[in-house]
């Protein structure tokens, strides 16, 4: 889909002049909905019913017309050929590395393939063993591996596979040593919440059905506990409106329950939704198998917390309460008090907190200056925070697969630097190349690109970050073709990342411009001085800018 969108965008980049498009006609209907006294018209509602012949015909007409335009696109075949060649040369890619009791589990995608298989090793450098191949499990079916969760002793693993990329699938449990399936199977499922510490049971979310067309399929879902070998009808409902009506849980939100190896005295529960502000509950771990868990509120949406991690008897959080650029707080699980929580990292005026993750002795905190990322570490023992010098600039991702060490996996990528992965020792501040994902060598023409990060004044005088990617030597005299991208909603930032689709165009003389518009979170939360006035409340607001590049 992304390649098709870029090809459509490339029409404007390679044609000197383009006639007015003659799209197939689209009828309108008298359809509307009323919410809270406001009526919203929806004249294209009929297109939602894909099973109807009229909708099917319309989509086929649009596809035929799109083909007629793309088939005439100058340079199209050259671009497609280059993209296919790059796809074929991608190195083996490892994701979701998970470490349990000396065993490493992960998904691996081979060169030239678009699906991942499940593997494990005894030790970080042990012999690789294939556990599950979605291409051979059910002959004639197109399956994909959605998620997996090994038990704490590394001897069992639960994973979800689905057909044709569906989000909801079937949960199966396998004995790792023998690669034999147990009788336990759950459908529909999105996966295991967590295993119990005795490795004989796991929590999961129980839905009414996996029918994506049924608007009630996920209403009033339940978090349940399944004991291996038991019938599903015997599974205890441990967190839902049915079993705990006094909690008055939102029926549209997704309940889940989990345990955390770094805070074994408690069980935790939460509600999943698109809302970033978290709602969490907790109770003594000894109550997991009881029929009446005394759930208490750990945080509510009004506490304005967007990320939590548990370390022994403390809980750490990212908060935007009176801090639009975010801050990091800590409080005790014995007596959580967010109003008087300890500030681990104060809000910075020009940087926003994006994430943090802990190891045995440190909390690594990721910041963004609006475009590029920065890293600092907080020492649990000394209570001192210090900056970490990165090998290069760009956006970063961090992961710790074994919190009983001080070792992290960290990747860096930028607009013109491919994804590069490192192992980082927080105690010594040493970065070494990862033994897993290796950087890909792209066509030499992509190395002839450069980046400018500038500030553009908005309609109200606020400066907005703006990235320009172009071929070295181009004169910025207003005569160049430019492709502009901008999106601002839900705090979803356009972070620096290597995009070979865009860079293939830039290598051909097209100027790529990325507007980091407000609403995306690059410069803090909407509703602050950086936010637009009324338009900032419109999801998906796209910035249009007149450019002379």
Protein backbone atom coordinates (compact mmCIF):
# COMPACT_ATOMS: atom_id res chain seq x y z
CA UNK A 1 0.00 0.00 0.00
CA UNK A 2 2.78 2.42 0.89
CA UNK A 3 4.50 1.86 -2.45
CA UNK A 4 1.24 2.57 -4.27
CA UNK A 5 0.79 5.84 -2.37
CA UNK A 6 4.32 6.91 -3.20
CA UNK A 7 3.79 6.06 -6.85
CA UNK A 8 0.68 8.23 -6.87
CA UNK A 9 2.67 11.04 -5.24
CA UNK A 10 5.42 10.51 -7.78
CA UNK A 11 3.01 11.34 -10.62
CA UNK A 12 3.31 14.97 -9.62
CA UNK A 13 7.06 14.62 -9.38
CA UNK A 14 7.80 13.20 -12.82
CA UNK A 15 5.13 14.75 -15.05
CA UNK A 16 5.81 18.30 -16.19
CA UNK A 17 2.10 18.92 -16.56
CA UNK A 18 -0.91 16.83 -15.63
CA UNK A 19 -4.45 17.20 -16.90
CA UNK A 20 -7.39 17.33 -14.54
CA UNK A 21 -8.16 13.83 -13.27
CA UNK A 22 -11.45 12.34 -14.44
CA UNK A 23 -12.31 10.12 -11.50
CA UNK A 24 -15.20 7.65 -11.75
CA UNK A 25 -18.30 9.29 -10.20
CA UNK A 26 -19.10 8.68 -6.54
CA UNK A 27 -22.73 8.89 -5.51
CA UNK A 28 -23.86 10.39 -2.22
CA UNK A 29 -26.64 9.25 0.08
CA UNK A 30 -28.72 10.84 2.81
CA UNK A 31 -27.04 9.37 5.87
CA UNK A 32 -26.16 10.93 9.23
CA UNK A 33 -25.54 10.27 12.90
CA UNK A 34 -26.33 12.41 15.93
CA UNK A 35 -23.95 12.43 18.89
CA UNK A 36 -24.60 14.57 21.97
CA UNK A 37 -27.06 16.73 20.07
CA UNK A 38 -24.80 17.35 17.07
CA UNK A 39 -25.69 15.78 13.71
CA UNK A 40 -22.89 14.65 11.41
CA UNK A 41 -23.64 13.89 7.78
CA UNK A 42 -22.05 10.81 6.23
CA UNK A 43 -22.94 10.84 2.50
CA UNK A 44 -20.46 8.06 1.70
CA UNK A 45 -21.69 5.58 4.32
CA UNK A 46 -22.62 3.12 1.56
CA UNK A 47 -18.92 2.55 0.80
CA UNK A 48 -18.47 0.90 4.19
CA UNK A 49 -20.53 -2.08 3.10
CA UNK A 50 -17.90 -3.85 1.05
CA UNK A 51 -20.05 -6.92 0.56
CA UNK A 52 -22.61 -4.93 -1.44
CA UNK A 53 -22.24 -5.09 -5.28
CA UNK A 54 -22.39 -1.30 -5.67
CA UNK A 55 -19.44 -0.78 -3.30
CA UNK A 56 -17.48 -3.60 -4.92
CA UNK A 57 -18.07 -2.09 -8.37
CA UNK A 58 -16.98 1.37 -7.21
CA UNK A 59 -13.68 0.09 -5.83
CA UNK A 60 -12.97 -1.86 -9.01
CA UNK A 61 -13.64 1.26 -11.10
CA UNK A 62 -11.27 3.29 -8.93
CA UNK A 63 -8.59 0.60 -9.19
CA UNK A 64 -8.92 0.46 -12.96
CA UNK A 65 -8.63 4.23 -13.24
CA UNK A 66 -5.61 4.27 -10.91
CA UNK A 67 -3.92 1.65 -13.09
CA UNK A 68 -4.58 3.73 -16.19
CA UNK A 69 -2.74 6.68 -14.60
CA UNK A 70 0.13 4.72 -13.06
CA UNK A 71 0.77 2.82 -16.28
CA UNK A 72 1.67 6.12 -17.97
CA UNK A 73 3.91 7.34 -15.17
CA UNK A 74 7.35 8.35 -16.39
CA UNK A 75 10.05 6.58 -14.38
CA UNK A 76 7.56 4.21 -12.74
CA UNK A 77 9.18 0.95 -13.88
CA UNK A 78 12.62 2.19 -12.86
CA UNK A 79 11.37 3.00 -9.35
CA UNK A 80 9.54 -0.30 -8.99
CA UNK A 81 12.62 -2.19 -10.15
CA UNK A 82 14.80 -0.40 -7.62
CA UNK A 83 12.37 -1.01 -4.76
CA UNK A 84 12.06 -4.70 -5.62
CA UNK A 85 15.82 -5.03 -5.73
CA UNK A 86 16.18 -3.38 -2.32
CA UNK A 87 13.47 -5.65 -0.90
CA UNK A 88 15.33 -8.74 -2.12
CA UNK A 89 18.57 -7.62 -0.48
CA UNK A 90 17.28 -6.81 3.00
CA UNK A 91 19.30 -8.70 5.63
CA UNK A 92 17.79 -11.19 8.05
CA UNK A 93 15.78 -9.25 10.64
CA UNK A 94 15.25 -10.22 14.28
CA UNK A 95 12.44 -8.71 16.37
CA UNK A 96 10.76 -9.17 19.76
CA UNK A 97 13.84 -10.63 21.48
CA UNK A 98 12.65 -12.07 24.81
CA UNK A 99 14.87 -13.62 27.46
CA UNK A 100 13.57 -16.11 30.04
CA UNK A 101 15.64 -18.34 32.35
CA UNK A 102 18.68 -18.45 30.04
CA UNK A 103 16.69 -18.91 26.85
CA UNK A 104 16.34 -16.34 24.09
CA UNK A 105 13.13 -16.30 22.03
CA UNK A 106 12.58 -14.17 18.94
CA UNK A 107 10.88 -13.76 15.58
CA UNK A 108 13.09 -13.86 12.50
CA UNK A 109 12.30 -12.75 8.95
CA UNK A 110 14.53 -14.13 6.23
CA UNK A 111 15.89 -12.14 3.28
CA UNK A 112 13.28 -11.79 0.55
CA UNK A 113 10.41 -12.90 2.81
CA UNK A 114 7.63 -10.86 4.41
CA UNK A 115 6.69 -13.19 7.27
CA UNK A 116 8.42 -14.14 10.51
CA UNK A 117 9.05 -17.54 12.12
CA UNK A 118 9.46 -18.22 15.84
CA UNK A 119 12.87 -19.41 17.14
CA UNK A 120 14.75 -19.87 20.40
CA UNK A 121 18.31 -20.40 21.65
CA UNK A 122 19.80 -21.73 24.85
CA UNK A 123 21.88 -18.69 25.75
CA UNK A 124 22.48 -15.59 23.67
CA UNK A 125 24.83 -17.44 21.34
CA UNK A 126 23.39 -20.94 21.50
CA UNK A 127 22.20 -23.11 18.64
CA UNK A 128 19.12 -21.74 16.92
CA UNK A 129 15.98 -23.91 17.04
CA UNK A 130 12.83 -23.37 14.97
CA UNK A 131 9.67 -23.51 17.09
CA UNK A 132 6.86 -22.44 14.77
CA UNK A 133 6.60 -21.86 11.03
CA UNK A 134 3.26 -20.23 10.07
CA UNK A 135 3.71 -21.20 6.42
CA UNK A 136 3.57 -24.94 7.07
CA UNK A 137 1.37 -25.29 10.15
CA UNK A 138 -1.96 -25.52 8.26
CA UNK A 139 -1.50 -26.50 4.60
CA UNK A 140 -3.30 -24.17 2.24
CA UNK A 141 -3.70 -21.39 4.82
CA UNK A 142 -1.95 -18.00 4.78
CA UNK A 143 -1.00 -17.57 8.44
CA UNK A 144 1.10 -15.03 10.32
CA UNK A 145 2.64 -15.07 13.79
CA UNK A 146 1.06 -12.24 15.79
CA UNK A 147 2.66 -12.52 19.24
CA UNK A 148 4.36 -14.89 21.66
CA UNK A 149 5.00 -15.12 25.41
CA UNK A 150 7.37 -17.70 26.96
CA UNK A 151 6.84 -18.94 30.51
CA UNK A 152 9.23 -17.69 33.19
CA UNK A 153 11.15 -20.99 33.24
CA UNK A 154 11.51 -20.91 29.43
CA UNK A 155 9.98 -24.39 29.07
CA UNK A 156 6.61 -23.40 27.61
CA UNK A 157 5.57 -20.77 25.11
CA UNK A 158 2.18 -19.41 24.15
CA UNK A 159 1.76 -17.75 20.79
CA UNK A 160 -1.02 -16.43 18.56
CA UNK A 161 -1.31 -17.05 14.85
CA UNK A 162 -3.96 -15.57 12.58
CA UNK A 163 -5.09 -15.86 8.99
CA UNK A 164 -4.42 -13.18 6.38
CA UNK A 165 -2.91 -10.75 8.89
CA UNK A 166 -5.97 -10.47 11.15
CA UNK A 167 -5.39 -8.86 14.56
CA UNK A 168 -7.39 -11.56 16.32
CA UNK A 169 -6.22 -15.16 16.09
CA UNK A 170 -5.79 -18.50 17.84
CA UNK A 171 -3.66 -19.00 20.96
CA UNK A 172 -1.70 -22.25 21.23
CA UNK A 173 0.73 -23.51 23.90
CA UNK A 174 3.87 -25.50 23.10
CA UNK A 175 6.42 -27.37 25.19
CA UNK A 176 9.73 -25.88 24.07
CA UNK A 177 11.98 -28.92 24.54
CA UNK A 178 9.76 -31.36 22.64
CA UNK A 179 8.01 -28.83 20.36
CA UNK A 180 4.75 -30.57 21.15
CA UNK A 181 1.47 -28.68 21.50
CA UNK A 182 -0.59 -28.94 24.66
CA UNK A 183 -4.35 -29.35 24.44
CA UNK A 184 -4.88 -25.72 25.48
CA UNK A 185 -6.23 -23.54 22.66
CA UNK A 186 -8.11 -20.23 22.78
CA UNK A 187 -9.96 -18.52 19.94
CA UNK A 188 -10.49 -15.62 19.55
CA UNK A 189 -7.34 -14.33 21.23
CA UNK A 190 -4.87 -11.46 21.11
CA UNK A 191 -2.34 -13.33 23.25
CA UNK A 192 -1.20 -14.00 26.79
CA UNK A 193 -1.21 -11.20 29.36
CA UNK A 194 1.46 -12.94 31.41
CA UNK A 195 2.34 -16.32 32.89
CA UNK A 196 2.01 -17.01 36.58
CA UNK A 197 5.31 -17.48 38.41
CA UNK A 198 4.70 -21.23 38.87
CA UNK A 199 4.50 -21.47 35.03
CA UNK A 200 1.25 -23.48 35.15
CA UNK A 201 -1.27 -20.78 34.23
CA UNK A 202 -1.58 -17.52 32.33
CA UNK A 203 -3.89 -14.52 32.09
CA UNK A 204 -5.61 -13.56 28.86
CA UNK A 205 -8.39 -11.31 27.55
CA UNK A 206 -11.62 -13.06 26.64
CA UNK A 207 -13.73 -11.48 23.89
CA UNK A 208 -17.22 -12.28 22.69
CA UNK A 209 -16.04 -13.06 19.16
CA UNK A 210 -13.28 -12.33 16.65
CA UNK A 211 -15.68 -10.92 14.05
CA UNK A 212 -14.22 -7.53 13.04
CA UNK A 213 -17.57 -6.56 11.50
CA UNK A 214 -19.46 -7.07 14.76
CA UNK A 215 -19.43 -3.75 16.71
CA UNK A 216 -20.29 -5.60 19.93
CA UNK A 217 -17.58 -8.27 19.65
CA UNK A 218 -15.22 -6.53 22.09
CA UNK A 219 -17.73 -4.90 24.41
CA UNK A 220 -17.59 -5.97 28.06
CA UNK A 221 -14.55 -8.17 27.52
CA UNK A 222 -13.10 -10.07 30.47
CA UNK A 223 -9.61 -10.76 31.77
CA UNK A 224 -9.40 -14.42 32.73
CA UNK A 225 -6.95 -16.87 34.28
CA UNK A 226 -6.40 -20.16 32.46
CA UNK A 227 -4.81 -23.12 34.26
CA UNK A 228 -3.07 -25.48 31.84
CA UNK A 229 -5.12 -28.59 31.16
CA UNK A 230 -8.42 -27.08 32.31
CA UNK A 231 -11.44 -26.54 30.10
CA UNK A 232 -11.95 -22.90 29.09
CA UNK A 233 -15.32 -22.96 30.83
CA UNK A 234 -13.41 -23.37 34.11
CA UNK A 235 -11.31 -20.20 33.60
CA UNK A 236 -11.77 -17.64 36.38
CA UNK A 237 -12.95 -14.14 35.52
CA UNK A 238 -10.39 -12.03 37.40
CA UNK A 239 -11.06 -8.51 36.08
CA UNK A 240 -14.27 -7.35 34.40
CA UNK A 241 -17.56 -5.60 35.03
CA UNK A 242 -19.18 -8.98 35.50
CA UNK A 243 -16.98 -10.07 38.40
CA UNK A 244 -16.18 -6.60 39.79
CA UNK A 245 -19.15 -4.31 39.01
CA UNK A 246 -18.10 -1.82 41.70
CA UNK A 247 -15.11 -0.83 39.53
CA UNK A 248 -17.54 0.42 36.87
CA UNK A 249 -15.12 -0.33 34.03
CA UNK A 250 -15.75 1.27 30.65
CA UNK A 251 -17.38 -1.49 28.55
CA UNK A 252 -15.62 -0.25 25.40
CA UNK A 253 -12.14 -0.58 26.90
CA UNK A 254 -10.10 -3.76 26.84
CA UNK A 255 -9.38 -5.26 30.31
CA UNK A 256 -6.10 -7.08 30.92
CA UNK A 257 -4.17 -8.54 33.87
CA UNK A 258 -0.44 -9.17 34.19
CA UNK A 259 2.36 -9.99 36.61
CA UNK A 260 5.80 -8.38 36.52
CA UNK A 261 9.02 -10.27 37.32
CA UNK A 262 10.54 -7.10 38.76
CA UNK A 263 7.68 -6.56 41.20
CA UNK A 264 6.48 -10.02 42.23
CA UNK A 265 4.46 -8.97 45.27
CA UNK A 266 1.63 -7.57 43.14
CA UNK A 267 -0.71 -8.34 40.28
CA UNK A 268 -1.65 -5.52 37.94
CA UNK A 269 -4.66 -4.79 35.77
CA UNK A 270 -5.49 -2.15 33.22
CA UNK A 271 -7.82 -0.95 30.50
CA UNK A 272 -6.60 -0.73 26.93
CA UNK A 273 -7.83 1.97 24.54
CA UNK A 274 -6.50 4.68 22.22
CA UNK A 275 -6.34 7.05 25.19
CA UNK A 276 -2.73 7.63 26.18
CA UNK A 277 -3.50 8.47 29.82
CA UNK A 278 -3.35 5.21 31.73
CA UNK A 279 -5.82 3.57 34.07
CA UNK A 280 -4.24 0.86 36.24
CA UNK A 281 -5.26 -1.26 39.23
CA UNK A 282 -3.24 -3.51 41.52
CA UNK A 283 -3.65 -6.09 44.29
CA UNK A 284 -1.48 -8.46 46.36
CA UNK A 285 -0.11 -11.30 44.24
CA UNK A 286 -1.36 -13.80 46.82
CA UNK A 287 -4.93 -13.01 45.75
CA UNK A 288 -4.57 -14.10 42.13
CA UNK A 289 -6.28 -17.43 42.69
CA UNK A 290 -8.92 -16.08 45.06
CA UNK A 291 -12.52 -15.47 44.03
CA UNK A 292 -12.49 -11.92 45.33
CA UNK A 293 -9.42 -9.87 44.40
CA UNK A 294 -9.24 -6.56 46.28
CA UNK A 295 -8.39 -4.39 43.29
CA UNK A 296 -7.21 -0.88 44.19
CA UNK A 297 -6.61 2.07 41.90
CA UNK A 298 -2.94 2.57 41.09
CA UNK A 299 -3.56 5.47 38.72
CA UNK A 300 -6.48 6.96 36.84
CA UNK A 301 -6.62 8.95 33.61
CA UNK A 302 -6.80 12.24 35.53
CA UNK A 303 -3.31 11.52 36.96
CA UNK A 304 -2.05 12.12 33.39
CA UNK A 305 0.42 9.24 33.28
CA UNK A 306 1.39 7.77 29.90
CA UNK A 307 3.98 5.10 30.76
CA UNK A 308 4.64 2.96 33.84
CA UNK A 309 7.38 0.56 34.93
CA UNK A 310 7.63 -1.41 38.16
CA UNK A 311 10.87 -1.88 40.08
CA UNK A 312 10.58 -3.86 43.33
CA UNK A 313 8.16 -1.87 45.49
CA UNK A 314 8.28 1.34 43.46
CA UNK A 315 6.54 2.44 40.29
CA UNK A 316 8.00 4.93 37.81
CA UNK A 317 5.91 6.99 35.40
CA UNK A 318 5.98 9.58 32.63
CA UNK A 319 3.55 12.38 33.46
CA UNK A 320 2.26 15.49 31.71
CA UNK A 321 0.51 16.84 34.80
CA UNK A 322 1.53 20.52 34.75
CA UNK A 323 4.34 19.47 32.41
CA UNK A 324 3.41 19.60 28.71
CA UNK A 325 6.91 18.40 27.81
CA UNK A 326 6.57 15.55 30.33
CA UNK A 327 8.51 14.58 33.43
CA UNK A 328 9.45 11.31 35.15
CA UNK A 329 8.02 10.53 38.58
CA UNK A 330 8.30 7.74 41.16
CA UNK A 331 6.08 6.65 44.01
CA UNK A 332 5.72 3.65 46.32
CA UNK A 333 3.46 0.73 45.44
CA UNK A 334 2.68 0.35 49.13
CA UNK A 335 1.15 3.85 49.23
CA UNK A 336 1.00 5.37 45.73
CA UNK A 337 0.60 9.16 45.80
CA UNK A 338 1.05 10.80 42.41
CA UNK A 339 0.28 14.27 43.73
CA UNK A 340 3.38 14.06 45.94
CA UNK A 341 5.51 11.73 43.84
CA UNK A 342 9.28 12.14 43.67
CA UNK A 343 10.49 13.85 40.49
CA UNK A 344 13.19 11.70 38.91
CA UNK A 345 13.57 13.86 35.79
CA UNK A 346 12.13 17.37 35.67
CA UNK A 347 10.43 18.79 32.60
CA UNK A 348 12.87 20.34 30.13
CA UNK A 349 11.89 23.56 28.31
CA UNK A 350 12.99 22.44 24.84
CA UNK A 351 12.97 18.64 25.05
CA UNK A 352 10.10 16.21 25.55
CA UNK A 353 10.31 12.87 27.37
CA UNK A 354 9.48 10.13 24.87
CA UNK A 355 10.14 6.93 26.81
CA UNK A 356 12.13 5.23 29.55
CA UNK A 357 13.12 1.68 30.38
CA UNK A 358 14.93 0.15 33.35
CA UNK A 359 17.65 -2.40 33.96
CA UNK A 360 19.09 -3.73 37.21
CA UNK A 361 20.72 -0.47 38.23
CA UNK A 362 19.55 2.26 35.86
CA UNK A 363 16.61 4.03 34.31
CA UNK A 364 17.34 5.10 30.73
CA UNK A 365 15.30 8.15 29.66
CA UNK A 366 14.76 9.10 26.02
CA UNK A 367 14.16 12.75 25.05
CA UNK A 368 13.36 14.50 21.77
CA UNK A 369 14.30 18.05 20.83
CA UNK A 370 11.49 18.09 18.28
CA UNK A 371 13.39 16.10 15.66
CA UNK A 372 16.43 14.26 17.05
CA UNK A 373 16.55 12.11 20.17
CA UNK A 374 18.78 12.29 23.24
CA UNK A 375 19.51 9.87 26.08
CA UNK A 376 20.20 10.15 29.81
CA UNK A 377 20.44 7.59 32.60
CA UNK A 378 19.29 7.71 36.20
CA UNK A 379 21.29 5.65 38.72
CA UNK A 380 18.98 3.96 41.24
CA UNK A 381 21.74 3.77 43.85
CA UNK A 382 23.27 7.27 43.63
CA UNK A 383 20.07 9.06 42.49
CA UNK A 384 22.21 10.91 39.92
CA UNK A 385 21.14 11.54 36.32
CA UNK A 386 23.80 11.88 33.62
CA UNK A 387 23.80 12.33 29.84
CA UNK A 388 24.68 9.46 27.51
CA UNK A 389 26.69 10.27 24.39
CA UNK A 390 25.14 8.49 21.40
CA UNK A 391 27.19 7.09 18.51
CA UNK A 392 25.22 9.30 16.07
CA UNK A 393 22.11 11.49 15.91
CA UNK A 394 18.60 10.52 14.87
CA UNK A 395 15.71 8.76 16.56
CA UNK A 396 16.39 5.87 18.91
CA UNK A 397 14.62 2.86 20.35
CA UNK A 398 15.72 1.04 23.49
CA UNK A 399 14.99 -2.38 24.90
CA UNK A 400 16.20 -4.48 27.83
CA UNK A 401 15.60 -8.19 27.42
CA UNK A 402 17.14 -9.09 30.79
CA UNK A 403 16.52 -6.61 33.61
CA UNK A 404 18.83 -8.54 35.92
CA UNK A 405 21.72 -7.00 33.96
CA UNK A 406 22.62 -3.45 32.90
CA UNK A 407 22.66 -4.32 29.21
CA UNK A 408 20.37 -2.66 26.68
CA UNK A 409 19.67 -3.10 22.98
CA UNK A 410 19.52 0.27 21.26
CA UNK A 411 18.88 1.19 17.64
CA UNK A 412 19.42 4.49 15.89
CA UNK A 413 18.10 5.66 12.55
CA UNK A 414 17.83 9.02 10.83
CA UNK A 415 16.51 10.42 7.58
CA UNK A 416 19.67 9.38 5.74
CA UNK A 417 21.18 6.76 8.11
CA UNK A 418 19.77 3.21 7.90
CA UNK A 419 18.57 1.37 11.00
CA UNK A 420 21.68 0.51 13.04
CA UNK A 421 21.58 -1.60 16.19
CA UNK A 422 23.93 -1.55 19.18
CA UNK A 423 24.45 -3.30 22.49
CA UNK A 424 24.87 -0.74 25.27
CA UNK A 425 26.29 -1.32 28.75
CA UNK A 426 24.78 1.33 31.05
CA UNK A 427 27.45 0.75 33.69
CA UNK A 428 30.43 1.41 31.40
CA UNK A 429 28.72 3.62 28.75
CA UNK A 430 30.17 1.39 26.01
CA UNK A 431 28.35 0.86 22.68
CA UNK A 432 29.24 -2.13 20.48
CA UNK A 433 27.60 -3.29 17.24
CA UNK A 434 24.74 -5.72 17.78
CA UNK A 435 25.28 -9.38 16.97
CA UNK A 436 21.74 -9.56 15.57
CA UNK A 437 20.44 -6.92 13.17
CA UNK A 438 23.09 -5.59 10.82
CA UNK A 439 22.70 -2.29 8.92
CA UNK A 440 21.65 -2.67 5.31
CA UNK A 441 23.83 -1.32 2.52
CA UNK A 442 21.58 0.76 0.27
CA UNK A 443 22.23 1.95 -3.30
CA UNK A 444 25.24 4.30 -3.38
CA UNK A 445 23.07 7.15 -4.71
CA UNK A 446 21.30 7.32 -1.31
CA UNK A 447 24.56 8.34 0.35
CA UNK A 448 24.56 11.52 -1.74
CA UNK A 449 21.76 13.06 0.33
CA UNK A 450 21.81 15.68 3.03
CA UNK A 451 19.38 16.93 5.68
CA UNK A 452 18.50 20.35 7.03
CA UNK A 453 16.46 20.78 10.19
CA UNK A 454 14.96 24.27 10.31
CA UNK A 455 12.16 26.16 12.06
CA UNK A 456 9.15 27.59 10.20
CA UNK A 457 6.91 30.26 11.72
CA UNK A 458 3.29 29.19 12.13
CA UNK A 459 0.22 31.39 11.68
CA UNK A 460 0.41 32.53 15.31
CA UNK A 461 4.18 33.02 15.42
CA UNK A 462 5.06 29.67 17.02
CA UNK A 463 8.13 28.05 15.43
CA UNK A 464 7.45 24.60 13.94
CA UNK A 465 10.26 22.06 13.24
CA UNK A 466 10.73 21.37 9.55
CA UNK A 467 13.00 18.79 7.89
CA UNK A 468 14.32 19.04 4.33
CA UNK A 469 15.99 16.08 2.58
CA UNK A 470 17.65 16.67 -0.77
CA UNK A 471 20.46 15.65 -3.08
CA UNK A 472 23.76 17.36 -2.45
CA UNK A 473 24.42 20.21 -4.83
CA UNK A 474 20.79 21.16 -5.45
CA UNK A 475 20.28 24.89 -5.59
CA UNK A 476 17.37 25.95 -3.40
CA UNK A 477 16.13 28.61 -5.79
CA UNK A 478 12.42 27.73 -5.93
CA UNK A 479 12.62 25.64 -9.09
CA UNK A 480 12.71 22.15 -7.56
CA UNK A 481 9.90 19.64 -7.29
CA UNK A 482 8.96 19.03 -3.65
CA UNK A 483 6.97 16.32 -1.86
CA UNK A 484 5.63 17.56 1.49
CA UNK A 485 4.44 15.34 4.32
CA UNK A 486 2.79 16.51 7.53
CA UNK A 487 0.59 14.85 10.14
CA UNK A 488 -0.47 15.86 13.61
CA UNK A 489 -2.81 13.79 15.77
CA UNK A 490 -2.85 11.46 18.78
CA UNK A 491 0.69 12.49 19.74
CA UNK A 492 2.06 10.48 16.81
CA UNK A 493 5.36 12.07 15.82
CA UNK A 494 7.12 11.93 12.44
CA UNK A 495 10.44 10.82 13.89
CA UNK A 496 13.68 10.60 11.89
CA UNK A 497 13.80 7.25 10.12
CA UNK A 498 15.42 5.94 6.99
CA UNK A 499 12.76 5.56 4.28
CA UNK A 500 14.17 4.15 1.07
CA UNK A 501 10.96 4.95 -0.81
CA UNK A 502 11.39 8.68 -0.16
CA UNK A 503 15.17 8.57 -0.49
CA UNK A 504 14.92 6.95 -3.91
CA UNK A 505 12.98 10.03 -5.03
CA UNK A 506 15.40 12.42 -3.30
CA UNK A 507 18.30 10.71 -5.10
CA UNK A 508 16.54 11.65 -8.36
CA UNK A 509 16.36 15.33 -7.49
CA UNK A 510 13.04 15.51 -5.65
CA UNK A 511 13.12 17.57 -2.44
CA UNK A 512 11.46 15.75 0.47
CA UNK A 513 9.97 18.01 3.16
CA UNK A 514 8.58 16.83 6.51
CA UNK A 515 6.55 19.31 8.54
CA UNK A 516 6.48 18.35 12.24
CA UNK A 517 3.08 19.94 12.79
CA UNK A 518 1.48 20.47 16.16
CA UNK A 519 -0.58 17.58 17.47
CA UNK A 520 2.13 15.05 16.68
CA UNK A 521 3.88 15.57 20.01
CA UNK A 522 7.33 16.62 18.77
CA UNK A 523 7.12 19.86 20.77
CA UNK A 524 4.99 18.71 23.70
CA UNK A 525 1.32 18.07 24.20
CA UNK A 526 -1.52 19.84 22.35
CA UNK A 527 -3.29 22.41 24.51
CA UNK A 528 -0.04 24.21 25.38
CA UNK A 529 1.41 27.32 23.84
CA UNK A 530 2.62 25.19 20.91
CA UNK A 531 -0.86 23.99 20.05
CA UNK A 532 -2.97 25.41 17.28
CA UNK A 533 -6.15 27.12 18.27
CA UNK A 534 -9.40 25.44 17.10
CA UNK A 535 -7.78 23.32 14.33
CA UNK A 536 -5.56 21.50 16.85
CA UNK A 537 -8.59 19.56 18.04
CA UNK A 538 -9.21 18.07 14.61
CA UNK A 539 -7.64 14.57 14.41
CA UNK A 540 -5.40 14.08 11.43
CA UNK A 541 -4.96 17.78 10.67
CA UNK A 542 -2.65 18.08 7.66
CA UNK A 543 -0.43 21.11 7.25
CA UNK A 544 -0.37 22.78 3.86
CA UNK A 545 2.58 25.07 3.23
CA UNK A 546 3.62 27.07 0.20
CA UNK A 547 7.22 26.14 -0.51
CA UNK A 548 9.92 27.51 -2.73
CA UNK A 549 12.79 25.04 -2.58
